[in-house]
Amino acid sequence: MMYSELIKKKEQLDSLRPISPAILDNLREWFVVELSYTNTAIDGNTFTRQETNLLVMNDITIGGKTLTEHLEIKDYANAIDFVNDQARNRLEDITEKDILDLHHKILLSTGRSNAGKYRTIPVRLCGSVVTFPNPTRVQGLVKELVEYISGSQDHPITIALEAHSRLLSIRPFLRGNGRVARLLMNMILMMNGYPPAIVRKEDRMEYIDCLEKAQYAGAKESYVEFMSVCISRSLDIYIKAASTNALDDNSV
């Protein structure tokens, strides 16, 4: 999928603005649950979508689930609230501290000793041929990434996908790199009027495979195509909701 299709959908969504506050609130609640569910599920959390909704929206604990799983989801939902607040800013406002804050928020309850702190040891991923930078280089590479985000003239989608891929290539933290990378990507998309992209649980292996091809072989086409589909699905959700809003307005 080329960016041109995403840009057209974004223009269609913009033509339907303003969206009513009630529909916006409903969309935000749906995305908080869906993002909390999918992003923790990709990292191994066993909560279902319905269970995630009960915990995030109603603070209902789920029998048979570990305390850690409960806390992971609650922390991720709070991190999304942070991203929603930051989305009112501009790309040039993103700082290294924002990335550290994202990490701190997702590990606040389950990994406090490492939350918001760069790794100090080498890391490898089991079953992967990708190698990651020496820990002494991590902070400098993150700063370079922030400089790219704030100063790039690339299309916002390119910046978002590049930020996501580069952060995962740096792997600056011992835990939670994927969750932080996806939050950063969505922060950039939302700053530019796009809805957040959702990587579905059932697409986990395709997602990992596309990322590894981009990181190891430099073949970014499948990665860009995969992520473009994720963005497109979210745009469709917003357009459908906003179109309902427009129909209601015209019927008044």
C-alpha atoms as a PDB file:
ATOM      1  CA  MET A   1       0.000   0.000   0.000  1.00  0.00           C
ATOM      2  CA  MET A   2       1.436   3.357  -1.044  1.00  0.00           C
ATOM      3  CA  TYR A   3       1.262   6.430   1.148  1.00  0.00           C
ATOM      4  CA  SER A   4      -0.969   8.059  -1.472  1.00  0.00           C
ATOM      5  CA  GLU A   5      -3.881   5.872  -0.364  1.00  0.00           C
ATOM      6  CA  LEU A   6      -3.271   6.749   3.288  1.00  0.00           C
ATOM      7  CA  ILE A   7      -3.045  10.441   2.418  1.00  0.00           C
ATOM      8  CA  LYS A   8      -6.366  10.244   0.573  1.00  0.00           C
ATOM      9  CA  LYS A   9      -8.009   8.595   3.551  1.00  0.00           C
ATOM     10  CA  LYS A  10      -6.530  11.229   5.845  1.00  0.00           C
ATOM     11  CA  GLU A  11      -7.942  13.970   3.576  1.00  0.00           C
ATOM     12  CA  GLN A  12     -11.345  12.245   3.682  1.00  0.00           C
ATOM     13  CA  LEU A  13     -11.175  12.145   7.473  1.00  0.00           C
ATOM     14  CA  ASP A  14     -10.178  15.810   7.638  1.00  0.00           C
ATOM     15  CA  SER A  15     -13.162  16.718   5.451  1.00  0.00           C
ATOM     16  CA  LEU A  16     -15.441  15.133   8.059  1.00  0.00           C
ATOM     17  CA  ARG A  17     -14.047  17.152  10.953  1.00  0.00           C
ATOM     18  CA  PRO A  18     -15.019  18.382  13.447  1.00  0.00           C
ATOM     19  CA  ILE A  19     -16.081  15.089  14.923  1.00  0.00           C
ATOM     20  CA  SER A  20     -18.570  15.347  17.773  1.00  0.00           C
ATOM     21  CA  PRO A  21     -17.065  15.136  21.283  1.00  0.00           C
ATOM     22  CA  ALA A  22     -19.223  12.107  22.084  1.00  0.00           C
ATOM     23  CA  ILE A  23     -17.905  10.141  19.096  1.00  0.00           C
ATOM     24  CA  LEU A  24     -14.334  11.246  19.803  1.00  0.00           C
ATOM     25  CA  ASP A  25     -14.639  10.039  23.382  1.00  0.00           C
ATOM     26  CA  ASN A  26     -15.995   6.715  22.162  1.00  0.00           C
ATOM     27  CA  LEU A  27     -13.115   6.361  19.679  1.00  0.00           C
ATOM     28  CA  ARG A  28     -10.528   7.210  22.315  1.00  0.00           C
ATOM     29  CA  GLU A  29     -11.953   4.646  24.722  1.00  0.00           C
ATOM     30  CA  TRP A  30     -12.016   1.971  22.018  1.00  0.00           C
ATOM     31  CA  PHE A  31      -8.430   2.673  21.003  1.00  0.00           C
ATOM     32  CA  VAL A  32      -7.186   2.709  24.606  1.00  0.00           C
ATOM     33  CA  VAL A  33      -8.612  -0.778  25.127  1.00  0.00           C
ATOM     34  CA  GLU A  34      -7.512  -2.107  21.737  1.00  0.00           C
ATOM     35  CA  LEU A  35      -3.987  -0.703  22.019  1.00  0.00           C
ATOM     36  CA  SER A  36      -3.627  -1.956  25.594  1.00  0.00           C
ATOM     37  CA  TYR A  37      -4.828  -5.400  24.558  1.00  0.00           C
ATOM     38  CA  THR A  38      -2.807  -5.815  21.367  1.00  0.00           C
ATOM     39  CA  ASN A  39       0.449  -4.278  22.557  1.00  0.00           C
ATOM     40  CA  THR A  40       0.657  -6.328  25.734  1.00  0.00           C
ATOM     41  CA  ALA A  41      -0.565  -9.458  23.925  1.00  0.00           C
ATOM     42  CA  ILE A  42       2.281  -9.158  21.407  1.00  0.00           C
ATOM     43  CA  ASP A  43       4.669  -9.294  24.366  1.00  0.00           C
ATOM     44  CA  GLY A  44       2.995 -12.383  25.837  1.00  0.00           C
ATOM     45  CA  ASN A  45       0.165 -11.079  28.059  1.00  0.00           C
ATOM     46  CA  THR A  46      -2.721 -13.587  28.074  1.00  0.00           C
ATOM     47  CA  PHE A  47      -5.615 -11.171  28.686  1.00  0.00           C
ATOM     48  CA  THR A  48      -8.396 -11.335  26.103  1.00  0.00           C
ATOM     49  CA  ARG A  49      -9.844  -8.216  24.522  1.00  0.00           C
ATOM     50  CA  GLN A  50     -12.960  -8.457  26.689  1.00  0.00           C
ATOM     51  CA  GLU A  51     -10.891  -8.936  29.853  1.00  0.00           C
ATOM     52  CA  THR A  52      -8.760  -5.947  28.923  1.00  0.00           C
ATOM     53  CA  ASN A  53     -11.896  -3.846  28.507  1.00  0.00           C
ATOM     54  CA  LEU A  54     -13.185  -4.865  31.938  1.00  0.00           C
ATOM     55  CA  LEU A  55      -9.874  -3.992  33.576  1.00  0.00           C
ATOM     56  CA  VAL A  56      -9.181  -0.712  31.752  1.00  0.00           C
ATOM     57  CA  MET A  57     -12.701   0.685  31.669  1.00  0.00           C
ATOM     58  CA  ASN A  58     -14.207  -0.760  34.858  1.00  0.00           C
ATOM     59  CA  ASP A  59     -11.159  -1.636  36.975  1.00  0.00           C
ATOM     60  CA  ILE A  60     -12.455  -5.206  37.310  1.00  0.00           C
ATOM     61  CA  THR A  61      -9.774  -7.767  38.087  1.00  0.00           C
ATOM     62  CA  ILE A  62      -9.777 -11.054  36.200  1.00  0.00           C
ATOM     63  CA  GLY A  63      -9.540 -14.421  37.936  1.00  0.00           C
ATOM     64  CA  GLY A  64      -6.777 -16.741  36.785  1.00  0.00           C
ATOM     65  CA  LYS A  65      -4.565 -13.898  35.538  1.00  0.00           C
ATOM     66  CA  THR A  66      -1.343 -12.901  37.244  1.00  0.00           C
ATOM     67  CA  LEU A  67      -0.842  -9.624  39.063  1.00  0.00           C
ATOM     68  CA  THR A  68       1.924  -8.770  36.592  1.00  0.00           C
ATOM     69  CA  GLU A  69      -0.457  -9.117  33.636  1.00  0.00           C
ATOM     70  CA  HIS A  70      -2.985  -6.838  35.341  1.00  0.00           C
ATOM     71  CA  LEU A  71      -0.322  -4.228  36.050  1.00  0.00           C
ATOM     72  CA  GLU A  72       1.137  -4.377  32.523  1.00  0.00           C
ATOM     73  CA  ILE A  73      -2.220  -3.498  31.028  1.00  0.00           C
ATOM     74  CA  LYS A  74      -2.979  -0.745  33.534  1.00  0.00           C
ATOM     75  CA  ASP A  75       0.445   0.805  32.982  1.00  0.00           C
ATOM     76  CA  TYR A  76       0.054   0.643  29.207  1.00  0.00           C
ATOM     77  CA  ALA A  77      -3.349   2.324  29.345  1.00  0.00           C
ATOM     78  CA  ASN A  78      -1.810   5.130  31.424  1.00  0.00           C
ATOM     79  CA  ALA A  79       1.014   5.457  28.891  1.00  0.00           C
ATOM     80  CA  ILE A  80      -1.587   5.893  26.136  1.00  0.00           C
ATOM     81  CA  ASP A  81      -3.125   8.757  28.125  1.00  0.00           C
ATOM     82  CA  PHE A  82       0.340  10.345  28.172  1.00  0.00           C
ATOM     83  CA  VAL A  83       0.637   9.911  24.394  1.00  0.00           C
ATOM     84  CA  ASN A  84      -2.802  11.490  23.895  1.00  0.00           C
ATOM     85  CA  ASP A  85      -1.638  14.526  25.873  1.00  0.00           C
ATOM     86  CA  GLN A  86       1.675  14.762  23.995  1.00  0.00           C
ATOM     87  CA  ALA A  87      -0.114  14.472  20.647  1.00  0.00           C
ATOM     88  CA  ARG A  88      -1.171  18.111  21.030  1.00  0.00           C
ATOM     89  CA  ASN A  89       2.482  19.119  20.594  1.00  0.00           C
ATOM     90  CA  ARG A  90       4.692  19.232  17.494  1.00  0.00           C
ATOM     91  CA  LEU A  91       7.350  16.805  16.268  1.00  0.00           C
ATOM     92  CA  GLU A  92      10.081  19.287  17.131  1.00  0.00           C
ATOM     93  CA  ASP A  93       8.857  19.179  20.745  1.00  0.00           C
ATOM     94  CA  ILE A  94       9.694  15.471  21.145  1.00  0.00           C
ATOM     95  CA  THR A  95      12.702  14.965  23.429  1.00  0.00           C
ATOM     96  CA  GLU A  96      14.849  12.149  24.740  1.00  0.00           C
ATOM     97  CA  LYS A  97      13.005  12.570  28.031  1.00  0.00           C
ATOM     98  CA  ASP A  98       9.701  11.726  26.312  1.00  0.00           C
ATOM     99  CA  ILE A  99      11.107   8.346  25.258  1.00  0.00           C
ATOM    100  CA  LEU A 100      12.418   7.689  28.756  1.00  0.00           C
ATOM    101  CA  ASP A 101       9.052   8.764  30.193  1.00  0.00           C
ATOM    102  CA  LEU A 102       7.227   6.320  27.914  1.00  0.00           C
ATOM    103  CA  HIS A 103       9.440   3.517  29.158  1.00  0.00           C
ATOM    104  CA  HIS A 104       9.027   4.597  32.764  1.00  0.00           C
ATOM    105  CA  LYS A 105       5.248   4.558  32.437  1.00  0.00           C
ATOM    106  CA  ILE A 106       4.953   1.076  30.899  1.00  0.00           C
ATOM    107  CA  LEU A 107       7.232  -0.458  33.551  1.00  0.00           C
ATOM    108  CA  LEU A 108       6.093   1.645  36.487  1.00  0.00           C
ATOM    109  CA  SER A 109       4.473  -1.276  38.316  1.00  0.00           C
ATOM    110  CA  THR A 110       6.336  -4.310  36.937  1.00  0.00           C
ATOM    111  CA  GLY A 111       9.941  -3.203  36.534  1.00  0.00           C
ATOM    112  CA  ARG A 112      10.444  -0.060  38.550  1.00  0.00           C
ATOM    113  CA  SER A 113      14.201  -0.604  38.998  1.00  0.00           C
ATOM    114  CA  ASN A 114      14.726  -0.427  35.223  1.00  0.00           C
ATOM    115  CA  ALA A 115      11.871   1.931  34.325  1.00  0.00           C
ATOM    116  CA  GLY A 116      13.066   4.928  32.323  1.00  0.00           C
ATOM    117  CA  LYS A 117      16.682   3.724  32.346  1.00  0.00           C
ATOM    118  CA  TYR A 118      18.877   2.679  29.444  1.00  0.00           C
ATOM    119  CA  ARG A 119      20.331  -0.814  29.456  1.00  0.00           C
ATOM    120  CA  THR A 120      23.910  -1.187  30.648  1.00  0.00           C
ATOM    121  CA  ILE A 121      24.578  -4.683  29.274  1.00  0.00           C
ATOM    122  CA  PRO A 122      24.644  -6.210  25.751  1.00  0.00           C
ATOM    123  CA  VAL A 123      21.444  -7.878  24.545  1.00  0.00           C
ATOM    124  CA  ARG A 124      20.466 -10.442  21.938  1.00  0.00           C
ATOM    125  CA  LEU A 125      17.087 -11.738  20.842  1.00  0.00           C
ATOM    126  CA  CYS A 126      16.613 -15.494  21.007  1.00  0.00           C
ATOM    127  CA  GLY A 127      16.314 -16.926  17.504  1.00  0.00           C
ATOM    128  CA  SER A 128      17.248 -13.650  15.796  1.00  0.00           C
ATOM    129  CA  VAL A 129      20.348 -12.860  13.722  1.00  0.00           C
ATOM    130  CA  VAL A 130      20.015  -9.131  14.394  1.00  0.00           C
ATOM    131  CA  THR A 131      22.757  -7.645  16.579  1.00  0.00           C
ATOM    132  CA  PHE A 132      22.216  -4.578  18.745  1.00  0.00           C
ATOM    133  CA  PRO A 133      24.520  -1.679  19.636  1.00  0.00           C
ATOM    134  CA  ASN A 134      26.905  -1.757  22.550  1.00  0.00           C
ATOM    135  CA  PRO A 135      25.242  -0.208  25.629  1.00  0.00           C
ATOM    136  CA  THR A 136      27.805   2.625  25.633  1.00  0.00           C
ATOM    137  CA  ARG A 137      26.325   3.823  22.322  1.00  0.00           C
ATOM    138  CA  VAL A 138      22.645   3.649  23.306  1.00  0.00           C
ATOM    139  CA  GLN A 139      22.079   7.175  24.629  1.00  0.00           C
ATOM    140  CA  GLY A 140      23.884   8.779  21.693  1.00  0.00           C
ATOM    141  CA  LEU A 141      21.827   6.768  19.203  1.00  0.00           C
ATOM    142  CA  VAL A 142      18.572   7.730  20.936  1.00  0.00           C
ATOM    143  CA  LYS A 143      19.611  11.387  20.792  1.00  0.00           C
ATOM    144  CA  GLU A 144      20.321  10.998  17.059  1.00  0.00           C
ATOM    145  CA  LEU A 145      16.855   9.479  16.628  1.00  0.00           C
ATOM    146  CA  VAL A 146      15.247  12.427  18.443  1.00  0.00           C
ATOM    147  CA  GLU A 147      17.185  14.838  16.202  1.00  0.00           C
ATOM    148  CA  TYR A 148      15.880  12.985  13.149  1.00  0.00           C
ATOM    149  CA  ILE A 149      12.278  13.125  14.407  1.00  0.00           C
ATOM    150  CA  SER A 150      12.395  16.822  15.235  1.00  0.00           C
ATOM    151  CA  GLY A 151      14.283  17.958  12.153  1.00  0.00           C
ATOM    152  CA  SER A 152      13.291  15.604   9.346  1.00  0.00           C
ATOM    153  CA  GLN A 153      11.510  16.848   6.227  1.00  0.00           C
ATOM    154  CA  ASP A 154      10.214  13.345   5.473  1.00  0.00           C
ATOM    155  CA  HIS A 155       6.513  12.593   5.329  1.00  0.00           C
ATOM    156  CA  PRO A 156       5.065  12.142   8.852  1.00  0.00           C
ATOM    157  CA  ILE A 157       4.263   8.486   8.129  1.00  0.00           C
ATOM    158  CA  THR A 158       7.875   7.885   7.131  1.00  0.00           C
ATOM    159  CA  ILE A 159       9.081   9.590  10.308  1.00  0.00           C
ATOM    160  CA  ALA A 160       6.718   7.500  12.454  1.00  0.00           C
ATOM    161  CA  LEU A 161       7.734   4.189  10.863  1.00  0.00           C
ATOM    162  CA  GLU A 162      11.417   5.100  10.900  1.00  0.00           C
ATOM    163  CA  ALA A 163      11.241   6.070  14.586  1.00  0.00           C
ATOM    164  CA  HIS A 164       9.588   2.747  15.402  1.00  0.00           C
ATOM    165  CA  SER A 165      12.115   0.700  13.422  1.00  0.00           C
ATOM    166  CA  ARG A 166      15.183   2.617  14.600  1.00  0.00           C
ATOM    167  CA  LEU A 167      14.229   2.466  18.256  1.00  0.00           C
ATOM    168  CA  LEU A 168      13.845  -1.297  17.983  1.00  0.00           C
ATOM    169  CA  SER A 169      17.215  -1.485  16.205  1.00  0.00           C
ATOM    170  CA  ILE A 170      18.829   0.422  19.086  1.00  0.00           C
ATOM    171  CA  ARG A 171      16.956  -1.635  21.692  1.00  0.00           C
ATOM    172  CA  PRO A 172      17.790   0.898  24.395  1.00  0.00           C
ATOM    173  CA  PHE A 173      16.039  -0.898  27.267  1.00  0.00           C
ATOM    174  CA  LEU A 174      16.219  -4.323  28.862  1.00  0.00           C
ATOM    175  CA  ARG A 175      12.441  -4.737  28.620  1.00  0.00           C
ATOM    176  CA  GLY A 176       9.539  -3.038  26.887  1.00  0.00           C
ATOM    177  CA  ASN A 177      11.300  -1.871  23.716  1.00  0.00           C
ATOM    178  CA  GLY A 178       8.467  -2.930  21.425  1.00  0.00           C
ATOM    179  CA  ARG A 179       5.801  -1.257  23.536  1.00  0.00           C
ATOM    180  CA  VAL A 180       7.797   1.980  23.692  1.00  0.00           C
ATOM    181  CA  ALA A 181       8.537   1.913  19.954  1.00  0.00           C
ATOM    182  CA  ARG A 182       4.867   1.496  19.085  1.00  0.00           C
ATOM    183  CA  LEU A 183       3.869   4.269  21.496  1.00  0.00           C
ATOM    184  CA  LEU A 184       6.473   6.591  19.947  1.00  0.00           C
ATOM    185  CA  MET A 185       5.261   5.742  16.433  1.00  0.00           C
ATOM    186  CA  ASN A 186       1.670   6.475  17.405  1.00  0.00           C
ATOM    187  CA  MET A 187       2.607   9.706  19.137  1.00  0.00           C
ATOM    188  CA  ILE A 188       4.153  10.910  15.872  1.00  0.00           C
ATOM    189  CA  LEU A 189       1.158   9.784  13.812  1.00  0.00           C
ATOM    190  CA  MET A 190      -1.299  11.487  16.171  1.00  0.00           C
ATOM    191  CA  MET A 191       0.708  14.721  16.200  1.00  0.00           C
ATOM    192  CA  ASN A 192       0.079  14.810  12.451  1.00  0.00           C
ATOM    193  CA  GLY A 193      -3.637  14.060  12.556  1.00  0.00           C
ATOM    194  CA  TYR A 194      -3.485  10.302  11.936  1.00  0.00           C
ATOM    195  CA  PRO A 195      -5.105   7.785  14.275  1.00  0.00           C
ATOM    196  CA  PRO A 196      -2.815   5.335  16.080  1.00  0.00           C
ATOM    197  CA  ALA A 197      -1.757   2.209  14.213  1.00  0.00           C
ATOM    198  CA  ILE A 198      -2.745  -1.123  15.732  1.00  0.00           C
ATOM    199  CA  VAL A 199      -0.580  -4.215  15.266  1.00  0.00           C
ATOM    200  CA  ARG A 200      -2.998  -7.075  15.792  1.00  0.00           C
ATOM    201  CA  LYS A 201      -2.117 -10.044  17.984  1.00  0.00           C
ATOM    202  CA  GLU A 202      -2.747 -12.473  15.117  1.00  0.00           C
ATOM    203  CA  ASP A 203      -0.226 -10.576  12.958  1.00  0.00           C
ATOM    204  CA  ARG A 204       2.583 -10.878  15.503  1.00  0.00           C
ATOM    205  CA  MET A 205       4.818 -13.230  13.496  1.00  0.00           C
ATOM    206  CA  GLU A 206       4.406 -11.243  10.278  1.00  0.00           C
ATOM    207  CA  TYR A 207       5.226  -8.063  12.207  1.00  0.00           C
ATOM    208  CA  ILE A 208       8.400  -9.583  13.675  1.00  0.00           C
ATOM    209  CA  ASP A 209       9.449 -11.021  10.315  1.00  0.00           C
ATOM    210  CA  CYS A 210       9.002  -7.670   8.530  1.00  0.00           C
ATOM    211  CA  LEU A 211      10.973  -5.882  11.230  1.00  0.00           C
ATOM    212  CA  GLU A 212      13.832  -8.371  11.071  1.00  0.00           C
ATOM    213  CA  LYS A 213      14.038  -8.076   7.287  1.00  0.00           C
ATOM    214  CA  ALA A 214      14.194  -4.298   7.610  1.00  0.00           C
ATOM    215  CA  GLN A 215      16.821  -4.399  10.367  1.00  0.00           C
ATOM    216  CA  TYR A 216      19.045  -7.199   9.115  1.00  0.00           C
ATOM    217  CA  ALA A 217      18.712  -7.095   5.348  1.00  0.00           C
ATOM    218  CA  GLY A 218      17.696  -3.462   4.894  1.00  0.00           C
ATOM    219  CA  ALA A 219      14.576  -4.637   3.016  1.00  0.00           C
ATOM    220  CA  LYS A 220      11.991  -2.144   4.247  1.00  0.00           C
ATOM    221  CA  GLU A 221       9.290  -2.665   1.623  1.00  0.00           C
ATOM    222  CA  SER A 222       7.411  -5.410   3.477  1.00  0.00           C
ATOM    223  CA  TYR A 223       7.736  -3.506   6.765  1.00  0.00           C
ATOM    224  CA  VAL A 224       6.343  -0.295   5.256  1.00  0.00           C
ATOM    225  CA  GLU A 225       3.542  -2.222   3.567  1.00  0.00           C
ATOM    226  CA  PHE A 226       2.652  -4.027   6.792  1.00  0.00           C
ATOM    227  CA  MET A 227       2.561  -0.874   8.896  1.00  0.00           C
ATOM    228  CA  SER A 228       0.645   1.016   6.186  1.00  0.00           C
ATOM    229  CA  VAL A 229      -2.108  -1.596   6.401  1.00  0.00           C
ATOM    230  CA  CYS A 230      -2.219  -1.080  10.187  1.00  0.00           C
ATOM    231  CA  ILE A 231      -2.603   2.677   9.724  1.00  0.00           C
ATOM    232  CA  SER A 232      -5.197   2.202   6.992  1.00  0.00           C
ATOM    233  CA  ARG A 233      -7.392   0.048   9.224  1.00  0.00           C
ATOM    234  CA  SER A 234      -7.380   2.737  11.913  1.00  0.00           C
ATOM    235  CA  LEU A 235      -8.220   5.427   9.377  1.00  0.00           C
ATOM    236  CA  ASP A 236     -11.178   3.333   8.223  1.00  0.00           C
ATOM    237  CA  ILE A 237     -12.461   3.130  11.803  1.00  0.00           C
ATOM    238  CA  TYR A 238     -12.232   6.901  12.228  1.00  0.00           C
ATOM    239  CA  ILE A 239     -13.796   7.621   8.840  1.00  0.00           C
ATOM    240  CA  LYS A 240     -16.726   5.300   9.549  1.00  0.00           C
ATOM    241  CA  ALA A 241     -17.339   6.950  12.923  1.00  0.00           C
ATOM    242  CA  ALA A 242     -16.932  10.476  11.534  1.00  0.00           C
ATOM    243  CA  SER A 243     -19.256   9.678   8.608  1.00  0.00           C
ATOM    244  CA  THR A 244     -21.956   8.654  11.076  1.00  0.00           C
ATOM    245  CA  ASN A 245     -21.393  11.969  12.808  1.00  0.00           C
ATOM    246  CA  ALA A 246     -21.751  13.841   9.502  1.00  0.00           C
ATOM    247  CA  LEU A 247     -24.978  12.022   8.661  1.00  0.00           C
ATOM    248  CA  ASP A 248     -26.400  12.881  12.072  1.00  0.00           C
ATOM    249  CA  ASP A 249     -25.487  16.544  11.574  1.00  0.00           C
ATOM    250  CA  ASN A 250     -27.120  16.639   8.131  1.00  0.00           C
ATOM    251  CA  SER A 251     -30.312  15.119   9.471  1.00  0.00           C
ATOM    252  CA  VAL A 252     -30.789  17.848  12.065  1.00  0.00           C
END
